[in-house]
Amino acid sequence: MAVINHFGRTRWGRRPVLLLTAMFMLMWLWKVLGPDLPYLVVLLGISVGAIWLLRHRRDVVYSIVIVTVTAAAPMIVTIVMADAHSANLPTAAAILTGYILAAPLPTLTAWALRPAVISRPLNCLLGSLTLLLSATPIVVFGDHGYGTQLVVTAVTLSCGLIWVRHRRALGHQLKNLPLDAAGWTDLGARLLPGGGQIDRVLIRRGYAVAATLTTAKTISPGALNRTLTRSLGLAQSAGIPPARVQPILLAPAATSGLGPHQITSRGAAATVLVLTPDQLARVTSTTREHRLLRHRRSLLTAATLAQPEGRAA
């Protein structure tokens, strides 16, 4: 028996034991559930897959829970009213069904608004609470001809509340950003989601300048490649086409290598300008712009990038 127990604790012994245990469990479940066992296995597989995919996305999990509770609350109220033989049940049940169908709308609105400058689960919770509280007159007094209008008004108020909170957060995000004479919004230093820091980010009408600082006296190919890579990261993060992001390497101590450099990195080719800090203003003042481009989305998205520690938010 000791030999068997020792073998069962080894790496090779655990696998057969696990397989045999799983086989006996399936046989027992088939005996208990019968034809319903395949549905249970599929449901468990879907649940495990969903948990695995969402293990690092708490905001998505919270939003799913909020939608579920928002849809379940009118169902529970309807069941309670039926058990209590409420006189308002026949008219209230139809309107509460409309609330059940409208339950995902606040959450969808919160997730549709971009960029995400405030907590999406908090927006979902506030919108869903507004939607549920508006159903109180239906539960207490029943539907007296205004039930449908109340549902439409409740959906409008809940989604409008989320939209207003989002717009106010965007305005607060942009109100202190400096704007230079040429129309460029200076976002200062920003951290990219994939790592790396851009020491100065400027946005104007769908175009961007990504300036990286170096203290080296000699410009190396590695510094040029990093500059281009970070400009591509900014383009991806802000939703700007890479061709509209100008990579610039600021080299105040450089003794050689100033000027344009043709660089190819990550399958993209671009011209990296190596400049001194006082030359940056002359470059931005002569950069072309497209007045028909919608530029606010890219500016707002870039403004949500994190700032290095020690800088004012």
C-alpha atoms as a PDB file:
ATOM      1  CA  MET A   1       0.000   0.000   0.000  1.00  0.00           C
ATOM      2  CA  ALA A   2       2.873   2.370   0.776  1.00  0.00           C
ATOM      3  CA  VAL A   3       4.316   1.764  -2.690  1.00  0.00           C
ATOM      4  CA  ILE A   4       0.959   2.589  -4.303  1.00  0.00           C
ATOM      5  CA  ASN A   5       0.598   5.759  -2.272  1.00  0.00           C
ATOM      6  CA  HIS A   6       4.132   6.837  -3.165  1.00  0.00           C
ATOM      7  CA  PHE A   7       3.466   6.198  -6.864  1.00  0.00           C
ATOM      8  CA  GLY A   8       0.235   8.162  -6.682  1.00  0.00           C
ATOM      9  CA  ARG A   9       2.108  11.202  -5.370  1.00  0.00           C
ATOM     10  CA  THR A  10       4.569  11.221  -8.280  1.00  0.00           C
ATOM     11  CA  ARG A  11       4.067  13.137 -11.528  1.00  0.00           C
ATOM     12  CA  TRP A  12       3.446   9.929 -13.497  1.00  0.00           C
ATOM     13  CA  GLY A  13       1.122   8.502 -10.871  1.00  0.00           C
ATOM     14  CA  ARG A  14      -1.152  11.519 -10.612  1.00  0.00           C
ATOM     15  CA  ARG A  15      -2.252  11.446 -14.240  1.00  0.00           C
ATOM     16  CA  PRO A  16      -3.739   7.920 -14.260  1.00  0.00           C
ATOM     17  CA  VAL A  17      -5.364   8.612 -10.903  1.00  0.00           C
ATOM     18  CA  LEU A  18      -6.924  11.791 -12.230  1.00  0.00           C
ATOM     19  CA  LEU A  19      -8.129  10.052 -15.379  1.00  0.00           C
ATOM     20  CA  LEU A  20      -9.675   7.196 -13.422  1.00  0.00           C
ATOM     21  CA  THR A  21     -11.323   9.629 -11.014  1.00  0.00           C
ATOM     22  CA  ALA A  22     -12.758  11.664 -13.887  1.00  0.00           C
ATOM     23  CA  MET A  23     -14.049   8.507 -15.580  1.00  0.00           C
ATOM     24  CA  PHE A  24     -15.796   7.310 -12.407  1.00  0.00           C
ATOM     25  CA  MET A  25     -17.265  10.795 -11.880  1.00  0.00           C
ATOM     26  CA  LEU A  26     -18.668  10.809 -15.423  1.00  0.00           C
ATOM     27  CA  MET A  27     -20.158   7.352 -14.898  1.00  0.00           C
ATOM     28  CA  TRP A  28     -21.765   8.490 -11.643  1.00  0.00           C
ATOM     29  CA  LEU A  29     -23.096  11.684 -13.216  1.00  0.00           C
ATOM     30  CA  TRP A  30     -24.520   9.722 -16.145  1.00  0.00           C
ATOM     31  CA  LYS A  31     -26.247   7.425 -13.671  1.00  0.00           C
ATOM     32  CA  VAL A  32     -27.768  10.412 -11.844  1.00  0.00           C
ATOM     33  CA  LEU A  33     -28.470  12.837 -14.701  1.00  0.00           C
ATOM     34  CA  GLY A  34     -28.849  10.535 -17.667  1.00  0.00           C
ATOM     35  CA  PRO A  35     -29.311  12.372 -21.007  1.00  0.00           C
ATOM     36  CA  ASP A  36     -28.879  15.774 -19.307  1.00  0.00           C
ATOM     37  CA  LEU A  37     -25.180  15.116 -18.675  1.00  0.00           C
ATOM     38  CA  PRO A  38     -23.910  16.476 -22.070  1.00  0.00           C
ATOM     39  CA  TYR A  39     -25.708  19.777 -21.443  1.00  0.00           C
ATOM     40  CA  LEU A  40     -24.096  20.012 -18.020  1.00  0.00           C
ATOM     41  CA  VAL A  41     -20.632  19.319 -19.450  1.00  0.00           C
ATOM     42  CA  VAL A  42     -21.106  21.969 -22.153  1.00  0.00           C
ATOM     43  CA  LEU A  43     -22.344  24.481 -19.570  1.00  0.00           C
ATOM     44  CA  LEU A  44     -19.377  23.785 -17.303  1.00  0.00           C
ATOM     45  CA  GLY A  45     -16.980  24.134 -20.237  1.00  0.00           C
ATOM     46  CA  ILE A  46     -18.472  27.482 -21.226  1.00  0.00           C
ATOM     47  CA  SER A  47     -18.318  28.683 -17.619  1.00  0.00           C
ATOM     48  CA  VAL A  48     -14.686  27.654 -17.204  1.00  0.00           C
ATOM     49  CA  GLY A  49     -13.775  29.303 -20.530  1.00  0.00           C
ATOM     50  CA  ALA A  50     -15.543  32.533 -19.563  1.00  0.00           C
ATOM     51  CA  ILE A  51     -13.815  32.615 -16.178  1.00  0.00           C
ATOM     52  CA  TRP A  52     -10.445  32.034 -17.831  1.00  0.00           C
ATOM     53  CA  LEU A  53     -10.975  34.802 -20.413  1.00  0.00           C
ATOM     54  CA  LEU A  54     -12.269  37.324 -17.867  1.00  0.00           C
ATOM     55  CA  ARG A  55      -9.860  36.553 -15.028  1.00  0.00           C
ATOM     56  CA  HIS A  56      -8.009  39.865 -15.601  1.00  0.00           C
ATOM     57  CA  ARG A  57     -11.037  41.957 -16.658  1.00  0.00           C
ATOM     58  CA  ARG A  58     -12.855  42.846 -13.475  1.00  0.00           C
ATOM     59  CA  ASP A  59     -14.629  45.743 -15.177  1.00  0.00           C
ATOM     60  CA  VAL A  60     -16.266  43.327 -17.629  1.00  0.00           C
ATOM     61  CA  VAL A  61     -17.256  40.957 -14.820  1.00  0.00           C
ATOM     62  CA  TYR A  62     -18.771  43.786 -12.771  1.00  0.00           C
ATOM     63  CA  SER A  63     -20.719  45.009 -15.804  1.00  0.00           C
ATOM     64  CA  ILE A  64     -22.105  41.533 -16.488  1.00  0.00           C
ATOM     65  CA  VAL A  65     -23.188  41.222 -12.852  1.00  0.00           C
ATOM     66  CA  ILE A  66     -24.878  44.634 -12.978  1.00  0.00           C
ATOM     67  CA  VAL A  67     -26.802  43.721 -16.140  1.00  0.00           C
ATOM     68  CA  THR A  68     -27.861  40.399 -14.621  1.00  0.00           C
ATOM     69  CA  VAL A  69     -29.113  42.015 -11.406  1.00  0.00           C
ATOM     70  CA  THR A  70     -30.873  44.780 -13.344  1.00  0.00           C
ATOM     71  CA  ALA A  71     -32.721  42.222 -15.461  1.00  0.00           C
ATOM     72  CA  ALA A  72     -33.448  39.928 -12.506  1.00  0.00           C
ATOM     73  CA  ALA A  73     -34.944  42.625 -10.256  1.00  0.00           C
ATOM     74  CA  PRO A  74     -38.144  43.161 -12.351  1.00  0.00           C
ATOM     75  CA  MET A  75     -38.532  39.369 -12.622  1.00  0.00           C
ATOM     76  CA  ILE A  76     -38.342  38.990  -8.841  1.00  0.00           C
ATOM     77  CA  VAL A  77     -40.804  41.857  -8.318  1.00  0.00           C
ATOM     78  CA  THR A  78     -43.251  40.244 -10.749  1.00  0.00           C
ATOM     79  CA  ILE A  79     -43.026  36.887  -8.932  1.00  0.00           C
ATOM     80  CA  VAL A  80     -43.541  38.587  -5.545  1.00  0.00           C
ATOM     81  CA  MET A  81     -46.569  40.478  -6.865  1.00  0.00           C
ATOM     82  CA  ALA A  82     -48.001  37.233  -8.245  1.00  0.00           C
ATOM     83  CA  ASP A  83     -47.561  35.461  -4.895  1.00  0.00           C
ATOM     84  CA  ALA A  84     -49.209  38.372  -3.115  1.00  0.00           C
ATOM     85  CA  HIS A  85     -52.112  38.379  -5.634  1.00  0.00           C
ATOM     86  CA  SER A  86     -51.555  42.068  -6.279  1.00  0.00           C
ATOM     87  CA  ALA A  87     -54.296  43.891  -8.137  1.00  0.00           C
ATOM     88  CA  ASN A  88     -51.660  45.725 -10.202  1.00  0.00           C
ATOM     89  CA  LEU A  89     -50.080  42.522 -11.533  1.00  0.00           C
ATOM     90  CA  PRO A  90     -51.856  42.270 -14.937  1.00  0.00           C
ATOM     91  CA  THR A  91     -50.841  45.746 -16.029  1.00  0.00           C
ATOM     92  CA  ALA A  92     -47.507  45.957 -14.212  1.00  0.00           C
ATOM     93  CA  ALA A  93     -46.145  42.658 -15.579  1.00  0.00           C
ATOM     94  CA  ALA A  94     -46.150  43.880 -19.185  1.00  0.00           C
ATOM     95  CA  ILE A  95     -44.326  47.105 -18.296  1.00  0.00           C
ATOM     96  CA  LEU A  96     -41.809  45.274 -16.115  1.00  0.00           C
ATOM     97  CA  THR A  97     -41.080  43.038 -19.097  1.00  0.00           C
ATOM     98  CA  GLY A  98     -40.065  46.199 -20.948  1.00  0.00           C
ATOM     99  CA  TYR A  99     -37.675  47.022 -18.098  1.00  0.00           C
ATOM    100  CA  ILE A 100     -36.189  43.538 -18.363  1.00  0.00           C
ATOM    101  CA  LEU A 101     -35.559  44.023 -22.088  1.00  0.00           C
ATOM    102  CA  ALA A 102     -34.071  47.494 -21.470  1.00  0.00           C
ATOM    103  CA  ALA A 103     -31.732  46.304 -18.690  1.00  0.00           C
ATOM    104  CA  PRO A 104     -28.593  46.015 -20.920  1.00  0.00           C
ATOM    105  CA  LEU A 105     -28.970  49.497 -22.453  1.00  0.00           C
ATOM    106  CA  PRO A 106     -27.206  51.539 -19.705  1.00  0.00           C
ATOM    107  CA  THR A 107     -24.278  49.126 -19.687  1.00  0.00           C
ATOM    108  CA  LEU A 108     -24.022  49.134 -23.486  1.00  0.00           C
ATOM    109  CA  THR A 109     -24.041  52.945 -23.428  1.00  0.00           C
ATOM    110  CA  ALA A 110     -21.261  53.049 -20.820  1.00  0.00           C
ATOM    111  CA  TRP A 111     -19.101  50.711 -22.888  1.00  0.00           C
ATOM    112  CA  ALA A 112     -19.857  52.432 -26.199  1.00  0.00           C
ATOM    113  CA  LEU A 113     -18.570  55.831 -25.032  1.00  0.00           C
ATOM    114  CA  ARG A 114     -14.883  56.272 -25.793  1.00  0.00           C
ATOM    115  CA  PRO A 115     -12.348  56.990 -24.513  1.00  0.00           C
ATOM    116  CA  ALA A 116     -12.984  55.470 -21.109  1.00  0.00           C
ATOM    117  CA  VAL A 117     -12.024  58.323 -18.792  1.00  0.00           C
ATOM    118  CA  ILE A 118     -14.142  57.202 -15.821  1.00  0.00           C
ATOM    119  CA  SER A 119     -15.076  53.851 -14.348  1.00  0.00           C
ATOM    120  CA  ARG A 120     -17.375  51.959 -16.689  1.00  0.00           C
ATOM    121  CA  PRO A 121     -18.814  49.709 -13.935  1.00  0.00           C
ATOM    122  CA  LEU A 122     -19.687  52.819 -11.899  1.00  0.00           C
ATOM    123  CA  ASN A 123     -21.435  54.337 -14.906  1.00  0.00           C
ATOM    124  CA  CYS A 124     -23.285  51.059 -15.474  1.00  0.00           C
ATOM    125  CA  LEU A 125     -24.366  50.968 -11.819  1.00  0.00           C
ATOM    126  CA  LEU A 126     -25.679  54.550 -11.780  1.00  0.00           C
ATOM    127  CA  GLY A 127     -27.525  54.121 -15.063  1.00  0.00           C
ATOM    128  CA  SER A 128     -29.048  50.804 -13.987  1.00  0.00           C
ATOM    129  CA  LEU A 129     -30.163  52.216 -10.616  1.00  0.00           C
ATOM    130  CA  THR A 130     -31.838  55.129 -12.390  1.00  0.00           C
ATOM    131  CA  LEU A 131     -33.621  52.664 -14.655  1.00  0.00           C
ATOM    132  CA  LEU A 132     -34.814  50.481 -11.770  1.00  0.00           C
ATOM    133  CA  LEU A 133     -35.941  53.362  -9.537  1.00  0.00           C
ATOM    134  CA  SER A 134     -38.142  54.687 -12.304  1.00  0.00           C
ATOM    135  CA  ALA A 135     -40.158  51.433 -12.171  1.00  0.00           C
ATOM    136  CA  THR A 136     -41.390  52.204  -8.630  1.00  0.00           C
ATOM    137  CA  PRO A 137     -44.608  54.005  -9.721  1.00  0.00           C
ATOM    138  CA  ILE A 138     -45.548  51.018 -11.888  1.00  0.00           C
ATOM    139  CA  VAL A 139     -45.089  48.584  -8.996  1.00  0.00           C
ATOM    140  CA  VAL A 140     -46.963  50.769  -6.486  1.00  0.00           C
ATOM    141  CA  PHE A 141     -49.745  52.270  -8.575  1.00  0.00           C
ATOM    142  CA  GLY A 142     -49.854  50.035 -11.662  1.00  0.00           C
ATOM    143  CA  ASP A 143     -50.071  51.091 -15.302  1.00  0.00           C
ATOM    144  CA  HIS A 144     -52.639  53.810 -15.855  1.00  0.00           C
ATOM    145  CA  GLY A 145     -51.768  54.507 -19.452  1.00  0.00           C
ATOM    146  CA  TYR A 146     -48.328  55.992 -18.895  1.00  0.00           C
ATOM    147  CA  GLY A 147     -46.290  52.779 -18.542  1.00  0.00           C
ATOM    148  CA  THR A 148     -44.782  52.780 -22.029  1.00  0.00           C
ATOM    149  CA  GLN A 149     -43.868  56.459 -21.830  1.00  0.00           C
ATOM    150  CA  LEU A 150     -42.279  55.844 -18.431  1.00  0.00           C
ATOM    151  CA  VAL A 151     -40.062  53.077 -19.809  1.00  0.00           C
ATOM    152  CA  VAL A 152     -38.887  55.267 -22.690  1.00  0.00           C
ATOM    153  CA  THR A 153     -38.240  58.183 -20.328  1.00  0.00           C
ATOM    154  CA  ALA A 154     -36.352  55.949 -17.900  1.00  0.00           C
ATOM    155  CA  VAL A 155     -34.088  54.587 -20.633  1.00  0.00           C
ATOM    156  CA  THR A 156     -33.434  58.115 -21.901  1.00  0.00           C
ATOM    157  CA  LEU A 157     -32.608  59.392 -18.411  1.00  0.00           C
ATOM    158  CA  SER A 158     -30.313  56.495 -17.519  1.00  0.00           C
ATOM    159  CA  CYS A 159     -28.380  56.618 -20.791  1.00  0.00           C
ATOM    160  CA  GLY A 160     -28.342  60.434 -20.713  1.00  0.00           C
ATOM    161  CA  LEU A 161     -26.899  60.408 -17.194  1.00  0.00           C
ATOM    162  CA  ILE A 162     -24.059  58.191 -18.368  1.00  0.00           C
ATOM    163  CA  TRP A 163     -23.418  60.425 -21.391  1.00  0.00           C
ATOM    164  CA  VAL A 164     -23.386  63.612 -19.276  1.00  0.00           C
ATOM    165  CA  ARG A 165     -20.951  62.103 -16.764  1.00  0.00           C
ATOM    166  CA  HIS A 166     -18.701  61.037 -19.627  1.00  0.00           C
ATOM    167  CA  ARG A 167     -18.718  64.479 -21.245  1.00  0.00           C
ATOM    168  CA  ARG A 168     -18.001  66.232 -17.934  1.00  0.00           C
ATOM    169  CA  ALA A 169     -15.082  63.901 -17.297  1.00  0.00           C
ATOM    170  CA  LEU A 170     -13.704  64.638 -20.764  1.00  0.00           C
ATOM    171  CA  GLY A 171     -14.021  68.370 -20.193  1.00  0.00           C
ATOM    172  CA  HIS A 172     -12.199  68.085 -16.879  1.00  0.00           C
ATOM    173  CA  GLN A 173      -9.480  66.043 -18.582  1.00  0.00           C
ATOM    174  CA  LEU A 174      -8.817  68.731 -21.208  1.00  0.00           C
ATOM    175  CA  LYS A 175      -9.430  72.028 -19.417  1.00  0.00           C
ATOM    176  CA  ASN A 176      -5.871  72.418 -18.094  1.00  0.00           C
ATOM    177  CA  LEU A 177      -3.989  71.257 -21.194  1.00  0.00           C
ATOM    178  CA  PRO A 178      -1.836  74.011 -22.729  1.00  0.00           C
ATOM    179  CA  LEU A 179      -2.436  75.141 -26.323  1.00  0.00           C
ATOM    180  CA  ASP A 180       0.373  76.813 -28.231  1.00  0.00           C
ATOM    181  CA  ALA A 181       0.102  79.527 -30.880  1.00  0.00           C
ATOM    182  CA  ALA A 182       0.113  77.027 -33.750  1.00  0.00           C
ATOM    183  CA  GLY A 183      -2.884  75.143 -32.333  1.00  0.00           C
ATOM    184  CA  TRP A 184      -1.007  72.152 -30.923  1.00  0.00           C
ATOM    185  CA  THR A 185      -2.244  70.741 -27.611  1.00  0.00           C
ATOM    186  CA  ASP A 186       0.752  69.845 -25.481  1.00  0.00           C
ATOM    187  CA  LEU A 187       0.081  66.700 -23.436  1.00  0.00           C
ATOM    188  CA  GLY A 188       3.573  66.624 -21.967  1.00  0.00           C
ATOM    189  CA  ALA A 189       5.160  63.272 -21.138  1.00  0.00           C
ATOM    190  CA  ARG A 190       2.993  60.168 -21.480  1.00  0.00           C
ATOM    191  CA  LEU A 191       3.453  56.470 -20.791  1.00  0.00           C
ATOM    192  CA  LEU A 192       2.413  53.962 -23.436  1.00  0.00           C
ATOM    193  CA  PRO A 193       0.293  50.954 -22.405  1.00  0.00           C
ATOM    194  CA  GLY A 194       2.854  48.516 -23.779  1.00  0.00           C
ATOM    195  CA  GLY A 195       5.752  50.197 -21.988  1.00  0.00           C
ATOM    196  CA  GLY A 196       8.010  53.058 -22.950  1.00  0.00           C
ATOM    197  CA  GLN A 197       7.740  56.785 -22.403  1.00  0.00           C
ATOM    198  CA  ILE A 198       7.277  59.625 -24.847  1.00  0.00           C
ATOM    199  CA  ASP A 199       8.741  62.782 -23.345  1.00  0.00           C
ATOM    200  CA  ARG A 200       6.475  65.156 -25.225  1.00  0.00           C
ATOM    201  CA  VAL A 201       3.222  64.479 -27.064  1.00  0.00           C
ATOM    202  CA  LEU A 202       1.563  67.157 -29.194  1.00  0.00           C
ATOM    203  CA  ILE A 203      -1.821  66.695 -30.934  1.00  0.00           C
ATOM    204  CA  ARG A 204      -3.510  68.879 -33.547  1.00  0.00           C
ATOM    205  CA  ARG A 205      -6.432  67.994 -35.838  1.00  0.00           C
ATOM    206  CA  GLY A 206      -5.702  64.308 -36.220  1.00  0.00           C
ATOM    207  CA  TYR A 207      -1.921  64.752 -36.396  1.00  0.00           C
ATOM    208  CA  ALA A 208       0.557  64.072 -33.623  1.00  0.00           C
ATOM    209  CA  VAL A 209       4.185  64.652 -32.731  1.00  0.00           C
ATOM    210  CA  ALA A 210       5.926  62.057 -30.578  1.00  0.00           C
ATOM    211  CA  ALA A 211       9.177  63.493 -29.194  1.00  0.00           C
ATOM    212  CA  THR A 212      11.622  61.308 -27.275  1.00  0.00           C
ATOM    213  CA  LEU A 213      14.515  62.839 -25.349  1.00  0.00           C
ATOM    214  CA  THR A 214      18.085  61.563 -25.381  1.00  0.00           C
ATOM    215  CA  THR A 215      21.132  62.943 -23.595  1.00  0.00           C
ATOM    216  CA  ALA A 216      23.644  61.171 -25.816  1.00  0.00           C
ATOM    217  CA  LYS A 217      26.106  63.147 -27.902  1.00  0.00           C
ATOM    218  CA  THR A 218      26.094  60.574 -30.683  1.00  0.00           C
ATOM    219  CA  ILE A 219      22.833  59.377 -32.220  1.00  0.00           C
ATOM    220  CA  SER A 220      22.737  55.586 -32.287  1.00  0.00           C
ATOM    221  CA  PRO A 221      20.505  53.377 -34.477  1.00  0.00           C
ATOM    222  CA  GLY A 222      18.937  51.962 -31.308  1.00  0.00           C
ATOM    223  CA  ALA A 223      17.740  55.398 -30.219  1.00  0.00           C
ATOM    224  CA  LEU A 224      16.227  56.024 -33.653  1.00  0.00           C
ATOM    225  CA  ASN A 225      14.465  52.657 -33.620  1.00  0.00           C
ATOM    226  CA  ARG A 226      13.070  53.298 -30.134  1.00  0.00           C
ATOM    227  CA  THR A 227      11.789  56.683 -31.249  1.00  0.00           C
ATOM    228  CA  LEU A 228       9.958  55.156 -34.193  1.00  0.00           C
ATOM    229  CA  THR A 229       8.614  52.288 -32.095  1.00  0.00           C
ATOM    230  CA  ARG A 230       7.194  54.691 -29.518  1.00  0.00           C
ATOM    231  CA  SER A 231       5.590  56.841 -32.197  1.00  0.00           C
ATOM    232  CA  LEU A 232       3.900  53.711 -33.565  1.00  0.00           C
ATOM    233  CA  GLY A 233       2.740  52.899 -30.040  1.00  0.00           C
ATOM    234  CA  LEU A 234       1.254  56.377 -29.717  1.00  0.00           C
ATOM    235  CA  ALA A 235      -0.539  55.978 -33.044  1.00  0.00           C
ATOM    236  CA  GLN A 236      -2.039  52.692 -31.923  1.00  0.00           C
ATOM    237  CA  SER A 237      -3.034  53.985 -28.497  1.00  0.00           C
ATOM    238  CA  ALA A 238      -4.605  57.228 -29.745  1.00  0.00           C
ATOM    239  CA  GLY A 239      -6.245  55.757 -32.836  1.00  0.00           C
ATOM    240  CA  ILE A 240      -4.205  57.887 -35.252  1.00  0.00           C
ATOM    241  CA  PRO A 241      -2.863  56.502 -38.549  1.00  0.00           C
ATOM    242  CA  PRO A 242       0.914  55.974 -38.212  1.00  0.00           C
ATOM    243  CA  ALA A 243       1.513  58.212 -41.249  1.00  0.00           C
ATOM    244  CA  ARG A 244       0.095  61.166 -39.257  1.00  0.00           C
ATOM    245  CA  VAL A 245       2.459  60.749 -36.307  1.00  0.00           C
ATOM    246  CA  GLN A 246       5.839  62.460 -36.674  1.00  0.00           C
ATOM    247  CA  PRO A 247       8.596  60.748 -34.652  1.00  0.00           C
ATOM    248  CA  ILE A 248      11.143  63.214 -33.288  1.00  0.00           C
ATOM    249  CA  LEU A 249      14.278  62.549 -31.265  1.00  0.00           C
ATOM    250  CA  LEU A 250      15.266  65.535 -29.122  1.00  0.00           C
ATOM    251  CA  ALA A 251      19.029  65.568 -28.618  1.00  0.00           C
ATOM    252  CA  PRO A 252      20.156  68.754 -26.811  1.00  0.00           C
ATOM    253  CA  ALA A 253      23.718  67.450 -26.348  1.00  0.00           C
ATOM    254  CA  ALA A 254      24.204  65.941 -29.817  1.00  0.00           C
ATOM    255  CA  THR A 255      27.335  66.938 -31.696  1.00  0.00           C
ATOM    256  CA  SER A 256      26.437  65.056 -34.871  1.00  0.00           C
ATOM    257  CA  GLY A 257      23.522  63.245 -36.476  1.00  0.00           C
ATOM    258  CA  LEU A 258      21.039  66.115 -36.463  1.00  0.00           C
ATOM    259  CA  GLY A 259      18.487  66.056 -39.266  1.00  0.00           C
ATOM    260  CA  PRO A 260      16.197  63.478 -40.885  1.00  0.00           C
ATOM    261  CA  HIS A 261      16.897  59.733 -40.745  1.00  0.00           C
ATOM    262  CA  GLN A 262      15.046  57.073 -42.723  1.00  0.00           C
ATOM    263  CA  ILE A 263      14.251  54.255 -40.280  1.00  0.00           C
ATOM    264  CA  THR A 264      12.429  50.942 -40.708  1.00  0.00           C
ATOM    265  CA  SER A 265      11.113  49.246 -37.560  1.00  0.00           C
ATOM    266  CA  ARG A 266       8.320  46.720 -36.871  1.00  0.00           C
ATOM    267  CA  GLY A 267       7.568  46.591 -40.585  1.00  0.00           C
ATOM    268  CA  ALA A 268       7.012  50.353 -40.830  1.00  0.00           C
ATOM    269  CA  ALA A 269       9.221  52.961 -42.464  1.00  0.00           C
ATOM    270  CA  ALA A 270       9.284  56.613 -41.426  1.00  0.00           C
ATOM    271  CA  THR A 271      11.502  59.652 -41.240  1.00  0.00           C
ATOM    272  CA  VAL A 272      12.773  60.314 -37.722  1.00  0.00           C
ATOM    273  CA  LEU A 273      13.816  63.921 -37.165  1.00  0.00           C
ATOM    274  CA  VAL A 274      16.720  64.462 -34.784  1.00  0.00           C
ATOM    275  CA  LEU A 275      16.434  67.992 -33.405  1.00  0.00           C
ATOM    276  CA  THR A 276      17.457  70.191 -30.546  1.00  0.00           C
ATOM    277  CA  PRO A 277      14.599  71.321 -28.259  1.00  0.00           C
ATOM    278  CA  ASP A 278      14.555  74.862 -29.670  1.00  0.00           C
ATOM    279  CA  GLN A 279      14.019  73.478 -33.200  1.00  0.00           C
ATOM    280  CA  LEU A 280      10.814  71.653 -32.218  1.00  0.00           C
ATOM    281  CA  ALA A 281       8.694  74.822 -32.338  1.00  0.00           C
ATOM    282  CA  ARG A 282       9.802  75.569 -35.897  1.00  0.00           C
ATOM    283  CA  VAL A 283       8.849  72.043 -37.022  1.00  0.00           C
ATOM    284  CA  THR A 284       5.388  72.122 -35.434  1.00  0.00           C
ATOM    285  CA  SER A 285       4.647  75.572 -36.847  1.00  0.00           C
ATOM    286  CA  THR A 286       5.204  74.329 -40.396  1.00  0.00           C
ATOM    287  CA  THR A 287       3.489  70.902 -40.080  1.00  0.00           C
ATOM    288  CA  ARG A 288       0.474  70.632 -42.346  1.00  0.00           C
ATOM    289  CA  GLU A 289      -2.996  69.830 -41.032  1.00  0.00           C
ATOM    290  CA  HIS A 290      -6.291  68.647 -42.502  1.00  0.00           C
ATOM    291  CA  ARG A 291      -9.124  70.878 -41.346  1.00  0.00           C
ATOM    292  CA  LEU A 292     -11.804  68.335 -42.261  1.00  0.00           C
ATOM    293  CA  LEU A 293     -10.390  65.658 -39.962  1.00  0.00           C
ATOM    294  CA  ARG A 294     -12.220  64.907 -36.743  1.00  0.00           C
ATOM    295  CA  HIS A 295      -9.439  65.398 -34.252  1.00  0.00           C
ATOM    296  CA  ARG A 296     -11.162  65.468 -30.874  1.00  0.00           C
ATOM    297  CA  ARG A 297     -11.347  61.679 -30.473  1.00  0.00           C
ATOM    298  CA  SER A 298      -7.597  61.218 -30.946  1.00  0.00           C
ATOM    299  CA  LEU A 299      -6.847  64.108 -28.579  1.00  0.00           C
ATOM    300  CA  LEU A 300      -9.123  62.754 -25.861  1.00  0.00           C
ATOM    301  CA  THR A 301      -7.755  59.241 -26.226  1.00  0.00           C
ATOM    302  CA  ALA A 302      -4.151  60.420 -26.038  1.00  0.00           C
ATOM    303  CA  ALA A 303      -4.993  62.553 -22.986  1.00  0.00           C
ATOM    304  CA  THR A 304      -6.079  59.427 -21.108  1.00  0.00           C
ATOM    305  CA  LEU A 305      -2.593  57.927 -21.331  1.00  0.00           C
ATOM    306  CA  ALA A 306      -0.869  57.766 -17.963  1.00  0.00           C
ATOM    307  CA  GLN A 307       1.703  60.359 -16.978  1.00  0.00           C
ATOM    308  CA  PRO A 308       5.072  59.538 -15.427  1.00  0.00           C
ATOM    309  CA  GLU A 309       5.257  59.710 -11.662  1.00  0.00           C
ATOM    310  CA  GLY A 310       6.116  63.104 -10.257  1.00  0.00           C
ATOM    311  CA  ARG A 311       4.218  65.033 -12.916  1.00  0.00           C
ATOM    312  CA  ALA A 312       1.003  66.880 -12.331  1.00  0.00           C
ATOM    313  CA  ALA A 313      -2.110  65.132 -13.586  1.00  0.00           C
END
